[in-house]
Structure formats: structure tokens, C-alpha cells
Amino acid sequence: MAVVKFERSRTNRMLAGVCGALADRLHIDATIVRLVVVVGTFLTGGALGVAYAIAWLILPLQGSDEIGLDKVVDYYLAHRNRQTPPQA
């Protein structure tokens, strides 16, 4: 089973491409996702807007060399048991 990366859309974007990427993943129109995000942001007191901003920060741009959350997690898992030298 192949791993499918979740990346911000480069072509279907208004602000950062997060809604476009989600729409592509769900196979629906991006306008619907954008409307749900805007209405949801007001209904949740801004929590959905914060989630959008976090997704903007952690999702890499489609086809770029940006570091996304998957690479951060891989780095953490590779280095979590590394011993640090004692502080003098």
C-alpha cells in the first residue's frame, strides 16, 4: 500500500492551498470546503481558523522541498533516543 502525502495545493489555492488540498483529497469542489472553513471559523470562535493556520505551517507545498510534518516526525523518531552530553 502506497503512502499518499498530504500537500498544500499549488494550483487550487486562494490563500495557502490548504482548502484546495482538502478538496482534492475529498473529491469535492474547493469552494464548498472554503465556505465550510469560513462558517466553521465563526461558529467555533476562531478555532477552525487556528487549525487552518497550523495546517498552513505544517503542510508542505505540492512539489516543493519544504519540510512538512512528516519530515519533522521522521527527524524526531530518528533522534529521540540520542544522548546529549552533560552540561558543564
Protein backbone atom coordinates (compact mmCIF):
# COMPACT_ATOMS: atom_id res chain seq x y z
CA MET A 1 0.00 0.00 0.00
CA ALA A 2 1.46 3.33 -1.07
CA VAL A 3 1.61 6.26 1.29
CA VAL A 4 -0.21 9.31 -0.07
CA LYS A 5 1.32 12.61 1.01
CA PHE A 6 -0.99 15.43 2.01
CA GLU A 7 0.44 18.61 0.48
CA ARG A 8 -0.92 22.12 0.01
CA SER A 9 -2.23 22.64 -3.49
CA ARG A 10 -0.10 24.67 -5.86
CA THR A 11 -2.86 25.24 -8.42
CA ASN A 12 -6.13 25.24 -6.46
CA ARG A 13 -5.43 27.96 -3.92
CA MET A 14 -6.85 31.25 -2.72
CA LEU A 15 -4.66 31.87 0.31
CA ALA A 16 -2.35 28.97 1.15
CA GLY A 17 -3.75 25.96 -0.70
CA VAL A 18 -4.98 24.09 2.39
CA CYS A 19 -8.64 24.08 1.35
CA GLY A 20 -7.70 23.16 -2.21
CA ALA A 21 -5.67 20.21 -0.97
CA LEU A 22 -8.50 19.06 1.28
CA ALA A 23 -10.99 19.40 -1.59
CA ASP A 24 -8.73 17.36 -3.86
CA ARG A 25 -8.42 14.67 -1.19
CA LEU A 26 -12.20 14.53 -0.61
CA HIS A 27 -13.03 14.82 -4.35
CA ILE A 28 -15.34 17.81 -3.85
CA ASP A 29 -15.35 21.41 -5.04
CA ALA A 30 -12.87 23.66 -3.23
CA THR A 31 -15.49 26.40 -2.87
CA ILE A 32 -17.54 24.15 -0.60
CA VAL A 33 -14.52 23.49 1.61
CA ARG A 34 -13.71 27.20 1.76
CA LEU A 35 -17.28 28.07 2.76
CA VAL A 36 -17.27 25.38 5.46
CA VAL A 37 -13.98 26.72 6.81
CA VAL A 38 -15.21 30.33 6.91
CA VAL A 39 -18.54 29.46 8.54
CA GLY A 40 -16.85 26.98 10.86
CA THR A 41 -14.34 29.59 11.93
CA PHE A 42 -17.14 31.89 13.06
CA LEU A 43 -19.11 29.09 14.73
CA THR A 44 -16.10 27.79 16.66
CA GLY A 45 -14.92 31.19 17.81
CA GLY A 46 -11.85 31.09 15.63
CA ALA A 47 -10.68 27.56 16.47
CA LEU A 48 -11.05 26.37 12.89
CA GLY A 49 -9.09 29.39 11.72
CA VAL A 50 -6.30 28.43 14.09
CA ALA A 51 -6.42 24.87 12.72
CA TYR A 52 -6.14 26.29 9.18
CA ALA A 53 -3.10 28.35 10.20
CA ILE A 54 -1.46 25.30 11.77
CA ALA A 55 -2.13 23.28 8.62
CA TRP A 56 -0.57 26.10 6.60
CA LEU A 57 2.57 25.86 8.73
CA ILE A 58 2.97 22.08 8.79
CA LEU A 59 1.88 21.03 5.30
CA PRO A 60 4.50 21.29 2.58
CA LEU A 61 3.68 22.94 -0.73
CA GLN A 62 2.95 20.47 -3.51
CA GLY A 63 6.10 19.53 -5.42
CA SER A 64 8.46 21.62 -3.29
CA ASP A 65 11.31 20.79 -0.95
CA GLU A 66 9.61 22.38 2.04
CA ILE A 67 9.82 20.45 5.27
CA GLY A 68 6.40 19.18 6.22
CA LEU A 69 5.20 17.48 9.38
CA ASP A 70 6.14 14.04 8.03
CA LYS A 71 9.82 15.02 7.88
CA VAL A 72 9.66 16.62 11.32
CA VAL A 73 8.20 13.40 12.76
CA ASP A 74 10.84 11.30 10.97
CA TYR A 75 13.59 13.51 12.39
CA TYR A 76 12.14 13.28 15.89
CA LEU A 77 11.81 9.50 15.74
CA ALA A 78 15.39 9.15 14.50
CA HIS A 79 16.83 11.39 17.21
CA ARG A 80 14.61 10.90 20.26
CA ASN A 81 16.88 8.38 21.97
CA ARG A 82 20.12 10.25 21.25
CA GLN A 83 22.10 11.04 24.37
CA THR A 84 23.10 14.64 24.92
CA PRO A 85 26.45 15.46 26.53
CA PRO A 86 26.25 16.68 30.15
CA GLN A 87 26.27 20.43 30.66
CA ALA A 88 29.30 21.82 32.49
